[in-house]
Amino acid sequence: MALRKITVLAFGSVGDVLPYFALAAGLESAGYQVTFVAAKKFEETARNRVADFRAIDEDPEALLSSSIGQDWLSSSSNPLKLVTSSLKIMQRNLPRYAAHALRESKGTDLIISSNLASLVAPHVAESLGARHIPAFPMPVTPTRTIANAFVPLNFANGASNWLSHRAFHLCCSTLMRRLVNRMRRDVFSLPPRNSVEPFRSIQKEEGPMLYCYSPAVLPRPGQWKSWTHVTGYWFPPSISEWQPPGPLIDFLEAGPPPVCVGFGSMVDREPERTAETVTEALKRVGCRGIILSGWSGLKAKASSDSIFVADAVDHRWLFPRTAAVVHHGGAGVTAAALNAGVPSVAVPFFADQFFWARTTNRLGVAPRWVPRSELTAEALGSAIAAAVGEPAIRERALRLAGKIQLEDGVGSAVAFIGRYLS
């Protein structure tokens, strides 16, 4: 195999980026030369995972903490608000991201892009004469089987599912056309287009598409074309030097498995109040808890005999040691909980988080979700009680985890990419 140069563009927060480190490592092991482009915040994470990491001028945590980022997070189940607030963020940041991506991708044969990076990647590829494969952790290709992950409605029939995809792509293309064409002119010296990539190509299945979720969770629709490929999850390789903190091990060994609670990169307007709500919910149901503050900044009171507070812990190490995981429903943390074989309690904030909350509930591995806008100690406590108190939920979670653990998502993706480049 001739050496091929591949650039992986991964923009966004932790859950948006980590799976692509797994893919990059798999590609390097297969003999490809890989350049990984993401926010500088992930420079330390990249160490020992990828050989060539390039930082771009992006600070996702600062963005989510800003007023415009908070408006985005509070869009909840309102698709119009989600799209319009997304447009404001793109207007402020997209041209700068595009310029960085163009600079760091020169000389590449293939660009693989995360969902957020796919807003610039097809134009980078066109400018450089390279190929492009979008790789998403949630389904957005039209089908009658699955609703669009970014349309947070629960449709009951195939026609509505299909229309949800058409509506999403049409709305995004219409709202972003002017911005994208200005970026094509100013950054890439390319002519304008009437339809906006990647929405047009994904909708019409005109090129290859990777989905890095498990077919055991969402079976691949039969009507998708052969180059729309569901690979299985991409879990980043563990770092051998990492060791769990001693006090956390002591806490785990001091009692029954705790409930882990963390909302990842979902920056909270009122972290102290949210932490109080979580603590009260755990107290109501008599569960020990591990609270991961993360970017959400959950400021729980100091650790006690029943509550342990940490900034962040490796999910693949921690989750199998818990009774259940309360999380925001992001694609990455949902995958980690499913792989661990433990029940989930989803507290979705916005966007595809509602989709994953519905999916885990439908699979029977999670009770009814609690939207962030409706979070109370009573509602969360009831959901936790159902998650840890119903043996059938854990049994289904363990069976599903067994299927997921047999998959080789990265290997499947690398093989697909090899066929595409051959």
Protein backbone atom coordinates (compact mmCIF):
# COMPACT_ATOMS: atom_id res chain seq x y z
CA MET A 1 0.00 0.00 0.00
CA ALA A 2 1.40 3.38 -0.99
CA LEU A 3 1.64 5.74 1.95
CA ARG A 4 -1.34 8.08 1.97
CA LYS A 5 -1.61 11.29 3.93
CA ILE A 6 -4.81 11.72 5.90
CA THR A 7 -5.95 14.78 7.83
CA VAL A 8 -8.49 14.33 10.62
CA LEU A 9 -10.41 17.52 11.41
CA ALA A 10 -12.16 17.25 14.79
CA PHE A 11 -13.78 20.41 16.14
CA GLY A 12 -15.84 20.79 19.28
CA SER A 13 -15.85 19.62 22.88
CA VAL A 14 -14.49 16.44 24.49
CA GLY A 15 -17.19 14.10 23.22
CA ASP A 16 -16.89 15.58 19.73
CA VAL A 17 -13.14 14.94 19.56
CA LEU A 18 -12.14 11.81 21.53
CA PRO A 19 -13.55 9.20 19.10
CA TYR A 20 -11.41 10.64 16.31
CA PHE A 21 -8.24 10.01 18.31
CA ALA A 22 -9.22 6.33 18.21
CA LEU A 23 -9.66 6.47 14.44
CA ALA A 24 -6.37 8.33 13.96
CA ALA A 25 -4.51 5.72 16.02
CA GLY A 26 -6.05 2.95 13.93
CA LEU A 27 -5.08 4.67 10.71
CA GLU A 28 -1.50 5.16 11.89
CA SER A 29 -1.28 1.48 12.85
CA ALA A 30 -2.43 0.63 9.31
CA GLY A 31 0.47 2.63 7.86
CA TYR A 32 -1.15 5.95 7.02
CA GLN A 33 0.46 9.29 7.79
CA VAL A 34 -2.09 11.14 9.90
CA THR A 35 -2.33 14.80 10.86
CA PHE A 36 -4.84 15.48 13.63
CA VAL A 37 -6.32 18.99 13.81
CA ALA A 38 -8.28 20.09 16.88
CA ALA A 39 -8.41 22.78 19.57
CA LYS A 40 -5.24 23.48 21.54
CA LYS A 41 -7.11 22.27 24.65
CA PHE A 42 -6.61 18.70 23.37
CA GLU A 43 -2.84 18.94 22.95
CA GLU A 44 -2.16 16.98 26.13
CA THR A 45 -4.82 14.41 25.24
CA ALA A 46 -3.14 13.93 21.87
CA ARG A 47 0.19 13.09 23.47
CA ASN A 48 0.95 9.36 23.06
CA ARG A 49 -2.20 8.99 20.92
CA VAL A 50 -1.26 10.63 17.61
CA ALA A 51 2.13 11.49 16.15
CA ASP A 52 1.23 14.77 14.42
CA PHE A 53 -1.16 17.06 16.30
CA ARG A 54 -1.92 20.57 15.01
CA ALA A 55 -3.72 23.07 17.24
CA ILE A 56 -6.25 25.52 15.84
CA ASP A 57 -7.52 28.80 17.23
CA GLU A 58 -10.56 27.32 18.94
CA ASP A 59 -11.52 27.25 22.63
CA PRO A 60 -14.73 25.24 22.91
CA GLU A 61 -15.00 25.65 26.67
CA ALA A 62 -14.79 29.45 26.42
CA LEU A 63 -17.32 29.41 23.60
CA LEU A 64 -19.83 27.37 25.60
CA SER A 65 -19.33 29.65 28.61
CA SER A 66 -20.06 32.80 26.59
CA SER A 67 -23.51 34.36 26.28
CA ILE A 68 -23.90 33.10 22.73
CA GLY A 69 -22.82 29.62 23.82
CA GLN A 70 -25.31 29.64 26.67
CA ASP A 71 -28.07 30.62 24.24
CA TRP A 72 -27.05 27.65 22.12
CA LEU A 73 -27.15 25.24 25.07
CA SER A 74 -30.53 26.57 26.19
CA SER A 75 -32.09 25.94 22.77
CA SER A 76 -33.34 22.69 24.31
CA SER A 77 -35.99 21.04 22.13
CA ASN A 78 -36.58 24.11 19.93
CA PRO A 79 -35.14 23.24 16.47
CA LEU A 80 -35.48 26.80 15.15
CA LYS A 81 -33.65 28.28 18.13
CA LEU A 82 -30.97 25.62 17.80
CA VAL A 83 -30.36 26.41 14.14
CA THR A 84 -30.41 30.19 14.52
CA SER A 85 -28.10 30.18 17.55
CA SER A 86 -25.80 27.77 15.68
CA LEU A 87 -25.73 30.23 12.79
CA LYS A 88 -24.60 33.05 15.08
CA ILE A 89 -21.75 30.90 16.37
CA MET A 90 -20.77 29.92 12.83
CA GLN A 91 -20.77 33.54 11.65
CA ARG A 92 -18.33 34.41 14.41
CA ASN A 93 -16.03 31.39 14.08
CA LEU A 94 -16.41 29.47 10.83
CA PRO A 95 -14.13 31.58 8.56
CA ARG A 96 -11.33 31.43 11.14
CA TYR A 97 -11.70 27.65 11.56
CA ALA A 98 -11.72 27.29 7.77
CA ALA A 99 -8.47 29.21 7.38
CA HIS A 100 -6.75 27.08 10.03
CA ALA A 101 -8.06 23.86 8.50
CA LEU A 102 -6.83 24.89 5.05
CA ARG A 103 -3.37 25.72 6.37
CA GLU A 104 -2.96 22.46 8.28
CA SER A 105 -4.39 20.21 5.54
CA LYS A 106 -2.03 21.14 2.70
CA GLY A 107 -0.52 18.11 1.00
CA THR A 108 -3.17 15.69 2.26
CA ASP A 109 -4.83 13.00 0.14
CA LEU A 110 -7.93 12.60 2.29
CA ILE A 111 -9.76 14.68 4.89
CA ILE A 112 -11.92 12.94 7.50
CA SER A 113 -14.11 15.34 9.45
CA SER A 114 -16.22 15.23 12.58
CA ASN A 115 -19.76 16.56 12.35
CA LEU A 116 -18.80 20.13 13.32
CA ALA A 117 -15.67 20.12 11.16
CA SER A 118 -17.75 18.96 8.20
CA LEU A 119 -19.00 22.52 7.85
CA VAL A 120 -15.59 23.48 6.44
CA ALA A 121 -14.00 20.18 5.38
CA PRO A 122 -15.66 19.73 1.96
CA HIS A 123 -14.52 23.21 0.94
CA VAL A 124 -10.99 22.55 2.20
CA ALA A 125 -10.92 19.33 0.18
CA GLU A 126 -12.23 21.05 -2.95
CA SER A 127 -9.63 23.79 -2.62
CA LEU A 128 -6.76 21.31 -2.22
CA GLY A 129 -7.97 18.70 -4.68
CA ALA A 130 -8.25 16.14 -1.87
CA ARG A 131 -10.97 13.63 -1.08
CA HIS A 132 -13.34 13.98 1.86
CA ILE A 133 -15.22 11.59 4.14
CA PRO A 134 -17.55 13.04 6.78
CA ALA A 135 -17.71 10.90 9.93
CA PHE A 136 -20.60 11.51 12.31
CA PRO A 137 -21.50 9.93 15.68
CA MET A 138 -25.23 10.37 15.00
CA PRO A 139 -27.47 9.60 11.99
CA VAL A 140 -28.30 12.42 9.58
CA THR A 141 -28.64 10.54 6.27
CA PRO A 142 -32.30 10.45 5.17
CA THR A 143 -34.16 7.26 5.99
CA ARG A 144 -37.67 6.21 6.93
CA THR A 145 -36.25 4.08 9.76
CA ILE A 146 -34.63 6.71 11.99
CA ALA A 147 -35.54 10.34 12.61
CA ASN A 148 -32.85 12.97 12.13
CA ALA A 149 -30.80 13.15 15.33
CA PHE A 150 -30.97 16.95 15.41
CA VAL A 151 -34.76 17.15 15.15
CA PRO A 152 -35.75 16.45 18.77
CA LEU A 153 -39.21 15.07 18.07
CA ASN A 154 -40.47 11.54 18.48
CA PHE A 155 -42.01 10.58 15.16
CA ALA A 156 -44.30 7.57 14.85
CA ASN A 157 -44.04 6.69 11.17
CA GLY A 158 -41.55 6.35 8.36
CA ALA A 159 -42.76 9.31 6.32
CA SER A 160 -42.25 11.67 9.27
CA ASN A 161 -38.78 10.27 9.90
CA TRP A 162 -37.80 10.87 6.28
CA LEU A 163 -39.24 14.39 6.32
CA SER A 164 -37.28 15.22 9.49
CA HIS A 165 -34.06 14.67 7.53
CA ARG A 166 -35.21 16.70 4.55
CA ALA A 167 -36.36 19.55 6.80
CA PHE A 168 -33.06 19.60 8.71
CA HIS A 169 -30.87 19.66 5.60
CA LEU A 170 -33.05 22.24 3.85
CA CYS A 171 -33.13 24.51 6.91
CA CYS A 172 -29.36 24.34 7.44
CA SER A 173 -28.58 24.90 3.77
CA THR A 174 -30.95 27.86 3.50
CA LEU A 175 -29.68 29.60 6.62
CA MET A 176 -25.99 28.99 5.95
CA ARG A 177 -25.78 29.55 2.18
CA ARG A 178 -24.69 33.20 2.38
CA LEU A 179 -22.12 32.55 5.10
CA VAL A 180 -20.65 29.53 3.34
CA ASN A 181 -20.38 31.28 -0.02
CA ARG A 182 -18.65 34.23 1.60
CA MET A 183 -16.22 31.79 3.23
CA ARG A 184 -15.66 30.03 -0.11
CA ARG A 185 -14.79 33.36 -1.69
CA ASP A 186 -12.67 34.89 1.06
CA VAL A 187 -10.86 31.82 2.42
CA PHE A 188 -10.74 29.35 -0.44
CA SER A 189 -11.03 31.52 -3.59
CA LEU A 190 -13.80 29.22 -4.78
CA PRO A 191 -16.96 30.15 -6.70
CA PRO A 192 -20.32 30.26 -4.89
CA ARG A 193 -22.72 27.35 -4.80
CA ASN A 194 -26.50 27.23 -4.72
CA SER A 195 -26.51 24.27 -2.34
CA VAL A 196 -24.42 24.01 0.81
CA GLU A 197 -22.04 21.16 1.55
CA PRO A 198 -22.01 18.82 3.40
CA PHE A 199 -25.81 18.93 3.71
CA ARG A 200 -26.42 18.41 0.00
CA SER A 201 -24.05 15.46 -0.38
CA ILE A 202 -25.23 13.73 2.79
CA GLN A 203 -28.87 14.16 1.83
CA LYS A 204 -28.32 12.75 -1.67
CA GLU A 205 -25.71 10.15 -0.55
CA GLU A 206 -23.35 11.33 -3.27
CA GLY A 207 -20.18 10.38 -1.43
CA PRO A 208 -18.83 8.11 1.33
CA MET A 209 -20.14 8.58 4.87
CA LEU A 210 -18.97 7.01 8.14
CA TYR A 211 -21.16 6.64 11.23
CA CYS A 212 -19.19 5.78 14.37
CA TYR A 213 -21.97 4.24 16.45
CA SER A 214 -22.91 0.61 16.99
CA PRO A 215 -25.29 -1.20 14.63
CA ALA A 216 -26.48 -3.05 17.74
CA VAL A 217 -27.77 0.30 19.01
CA LEU A 218 -29.07 1.66 15.70
CA PRO A 219 -29.23 -0.97 12.94
CA ARG A 220 -28.15 0.29 9.54
CA PRO A 221 -31.19 1.12 7.37
CA GLY A 222 -31.34 -1.17 4.36
CA GLN A 223 -32.13 1.65 1.94
CA TRP A 224 -28.84 3.46 2.58
CA LYS A 225 -26.30 3.17 -0.22
CA SER A 226 -23.28 0.92 0.23
CA TRP A 227 -20.87 3.81 0.88
CA THR A 228 -22.90 4.98 3.89
CA HIS A 229 -21.21 2.79 6.49
CA VAL A 230 -22.04 2.15 10.18
CA THR A 231 -18.75 1.05 11.72
CA GLY A 232 -19.33 0.54 15.43
CA TYR A 233 -18.06 2.85 18.16
CA TRP A 234 -14.58 4.38 18.16
CA PHE A 235 -13.23 4.22 21.69
CA PRO A 236 -9.88 6.00 22.21
CA PRO A 237 -7.01 3.79 23.37
CA SER A 238 -6.23 3.95 27.07
CA ILE A 239 -3.03 5.66 28.16
CA SER A 240 -0.93 3.14 30.09
CA GLU A 241 0.54 5.83 32.35
CA TRP A 242 -2.87 6.91 33.65
CA GLN A 243 -3.74 5.75 37.14
CA PRO A 244 -6.98 6.42 39.06
CA PRO A 245 -6.50 8.63 42.12
CA GLY A 246 -6.09 6.73 45.37
CA PRO A 247 -8.94 8.50 47.22
CA LEU A 248 -11.34 7.50 44.42
CA ILE A 249 -10.32 3.85 44.72
CA ASP A 250 -10.80 4.07 48.49
CA PHE A 251 -14.29 5.53 47.99
CA LEU A 252 -15.29 2.81 45.55
CA GLU A 253 -14.09 0.08 47.89
CA ALA A 254 -15.83 1.60 50.94
CA GLY A 255 -19.39 0.71 49.91
CA PRO A 256 -21.76 -0.45 47.20
CA PRO A 257 -21.28 0.77 43.62
CA PRO A 258 -22.15 4.48 43.41
CA VAL A 259 -24.13 6.42 40.82
CA CYS A 260 -21.87 8.56 38.64
CA VAL A 261 -23.22 12.00 37.72
CA GLY A 262 -21.62 14.36 35.22
CA PHE A 263 -22.74 16.62 32.39
CA GLY A 264 -19.42 16.80 30.56
CA SER A 265 -18.97 19.93 28.47
CA MET A 266 -22.46 21.30 29.12
CA VAL A 267 -21.48 24.54 30.85
CA ASP A 268 -24.12 25.29 33.50
CA ARG A 269 -25.49 28.75 34.30
CA GLU A 270 -26.10 27.72 37.93
CA PRO A 271 -23.63 24.95 38.78
CA GLU A 272 -24.06 25.25 42.56
CA ARG A 273 -27.83 24.86 42.37
CA THR A 274 -27.54 21.96 39.93
CA ALA A 275 -25.06 20.23 42.24
CA GLU A 276 -27.48 20.68 45.15
CA THR A 277 -30.25 19.15 43.05
CA VAL A 278 -28.07 16.15 42.21
CA THR A 279 -26.96 15.68 45.82
CA GLU A 280 -30.56 15.84 47.07
CA ALA A 281 -31.69 13.34 44.41
CA LEU A 282 -29.01 10.86 45.48
CA LYS A 283 -29.94 11.35 49.13
CA ARG A 284 -33.64 10.71 48.39
CA VAL A 285 -32.92 7.29 46.91
CA GLY A 286 -30.13 6.35 49.33
CA CYS A 287 -27.39 6.07 46.71
CA ARG A 288 -23.73 6.93 47.01
CA GLY A 289 -22.54 9.21 44.25
CA ILE A 290 -19.51 10.30 42.26
CA ILE A 291 -19.96 13.80 40.85
CA LEU A 292 -17.76 14.74 37.90
CA SER A 293 -17.63 18.52 37.65
CA GLY A 294 -16.15 18.67 34.12
CA TRP A 295 -16.81 21.78 32.04
CA SER A 296 -20.27 22.01 33.57
CA GLY A 297 -18.56 23.11 36.78
CA LEU A 298 -20.84 21.24 39.17
CA LYS A 299 -19.74 22.76 42.46
CA ALA A 300 -20.89 20.20 44.95
CA LYS A 301 -19.91 20.56 48.55
CA ALA A 302 -16.78 18.80 49.71
CA SER A 303 -16.61 15.04 49.41
CA SER A 304 -18.26 13.06 52.20
CA ASP A 305 -18.83 9.42 53.09
CA SER A 306 -21.57 9.25 50.46
CA ILE A 307 -20.38 11.74 47.80
CA PHE A 308 -17.06 11.88 45.98
CA VAL A 309 -16.26 14.92 43.83
CA ALA A 310 -13.77 14.81 40.96
CA ASP A 311 -13.01 16.98 37.95
CA ALA A 312 -12.84 14.20 35.37
CA VAL A 313 -12.12 10.46 35.36
CA ASP A 314 -11.57 8.03 32.48
CA HIS A 315 -15.10 6.85 31.64
CA ARG A 316 -13.95 3.45 30.39
CA TRP A 317 -12.32 2.77 33.75
CA LEU A 318 -15.00 4.28 35.99
CA PHE A 319 -18.37 3.44 34.44
CA PRO A 320 -18.17 -0.38 34.83
CA ARG A 321 -17.63 0.20 38.55
CA THR A 322 -20.89 2.16 38.99
CA ALA A 323 -24.54 1.30 39.54
CA ALA A 324 -25.72 3.77 36.89
CA VAL A 325 -24.53 6.84 35.04
CA VAL A 326 -26.41 10.15 34.98
CA HIS A 327 -25.25 12.17 31.99
CA HIS A 328 -26.31 14.75 29.41
CA GLY A 329 -26.96 12.31 26.60
CA GLY A 330 -24.08 13.30 24.35
CA ALA A 331 -23.05 10.71 21.78
CA GLY A 332 -19.67 10.06 23.42
CA VAL A 333 -20.81 9.57 27.01
CA THR A 334 -23.82 7.54 25.86
CA ALA A 335 -21.43 5.23 24.01
CA ALA A 336 -19.22 4.87 27.08
CA ALA A 337 -22.18 3.98 29.31
CA LEU A 338 -23.49 1.45 26.77
CA ASN A 339 -20.06 -0.14 26.43
CA ALA A 340 -19.79 -0.41 30.23
CA GLY A 341 -23.08 -2.30 30.46
CA VAL A 342 -24.60 0.00 33.10
CA PRO A 343 -27.98 1.76 33.08
CA SER A 344 -28.11 5.38 31.99
CA VAL A 345 -30.18 8.31 33.21
CA ALA A 346 -30.14 10.98 30.52
CA VAL A 347 -30.56 14.68 31.31
CA PRO A 348 -30.47 16.12 27.78
CA PHE A 349 -29.72 19.81 27.29
CA PHE A 350 -30.16 20.26 23.53
CA ALA A 351 -29.60 18.95 19.99
CA ASP A 352 -28.91 15.23 19.49
CA GLN A 353 -28.87 14.60 23.24
CA PHE A 354 -32.65 14.16 23.13
CA PHE A 355 -32.21 11.64 20.32
CA TRP A 356 -29.82 9.52 22.39
CA ALA A 357 -32.05 9.84 25.46
CA ARG A 358 -34.97 8.43 23.44
CA THR A 359 -32.77 5.73 21.91
CA THR A 360 -31.46 4.38 25.23
CA ASN A 361 -34.97 4.44 26.67
CA ARG A 362 -36.32 2.56 23.65
CA LEU A 363 -33.57 -0.05 24.04
CA GLY A 364 -34.66 -0.57 27.65
CA VAL A 365 -31.27 0.36 29.14
CA ALA A 366 -32.45 3.67 30.61
CA PRO A 367 -35.63 4.93 32.27
CA ARG A 368 -37.53 7.94 30.94
CA TRP A 369 -35.16 10.87 30.54
CA VAL A 370 -35.29 14.11 32.55
CA PRO A 371 -34.82 17.20 30.33
CA ARG A 372 -32.37 19.72 31.81
CA SER A 373 -35.12 22.35 31.76
CA GLU A 374 -37.23 20.10 34.03
CA LEU A 375 -34.48 18.91 36.37
CA THR A 376 -35.58 18.63 40.00
CA ALA A 377 -34.39 16.44 42.85
CA GLU A 378 -37.70 14.59 42.78
CA ALA A 379 -37.63 13.88 39.03
CA LEU A 380 -33.95 12.90 39.00
CA GLY A 381 -34.35 10.79 42.12
CA SER A 382 -37.24 8.86 40.55
CA ALA A 383 -35.22 8.20 37.40
CA ILE A 384 -32.18 7.04 39.40
CA ALA A 385 -34.39 4.75 41.50
CA ALA A 386 -35.75 3.15 38.33
CA ALA A 387 -32.26 2.76 36.82
CA VAL A 388 -30.73 1.04 39.86
CA GLY A 389 -33.86 -0.67 41.18
CA GLU A 390 -35.07 -2.55 38.09
CA PRO A 391 -32.86 -5.61 37.42
CA ALA A 392 -34.21 -5.92 33.87
CA ILE A 393 -32.63 -2.59 32.91
CA ARG A 394 -29.17 -3.72 34.01
CA GLU A 395 -29.64 -7.12 32.37
CA ARG A 396 -30.49 -5.49 29.04
CA ALA A 397 -27.56 -3.08 29.44
CA LEU A 398 -25.17 -6.00 30.01
CA ARG A 399 -26.49 -7.92 26.99
CA LEU A 400 -26.15 -4.88 24.75
CA ALA A 401 -22.63 -4.19 26.05
CA GLY A 402 -21.66 -7.75 25.15
CA LYS A 403 -22.64 -7.10 21.53
CA ILE A 404 -20.86 -3.72 21.40
CA GLN A 405 -17.66 -5.17 22.85
CA LEU A 406 -17.49 -7.75 20.05
CA GLU A 407 -17.39 -5.00 17.42
CA ASP A 408 -14.25 -3.44 15.99
CA GLY A 409 -15.49 0.00 14.99
CA VAL A 410 -12.05 1.44 14.26
CA GLY A 411 -10.99 -1.62 12.26
CA SER A 412 -14.18 -1.46 10.22
CA ALA A 413 -13.62 2.25 9.49
CA VAL A 414 -9.96 1.74 8.52
CA ALA A 415 -10.91 -1.08 6.15
CA PHE A 416 -13.61 1.09 4.56
CA ILE A 417 -11.16 3.98 4.12
CA GLY A 418 -8.62 1.62 2.56
CA ARG A 419 -11.17 0.44 -0.01
CA TYR A 420 -12.10 4.03 -0.78
CA LEU A 421 -8.49 5.08 -1.36
CA SER A 422 -7.57 2.04 -3.43
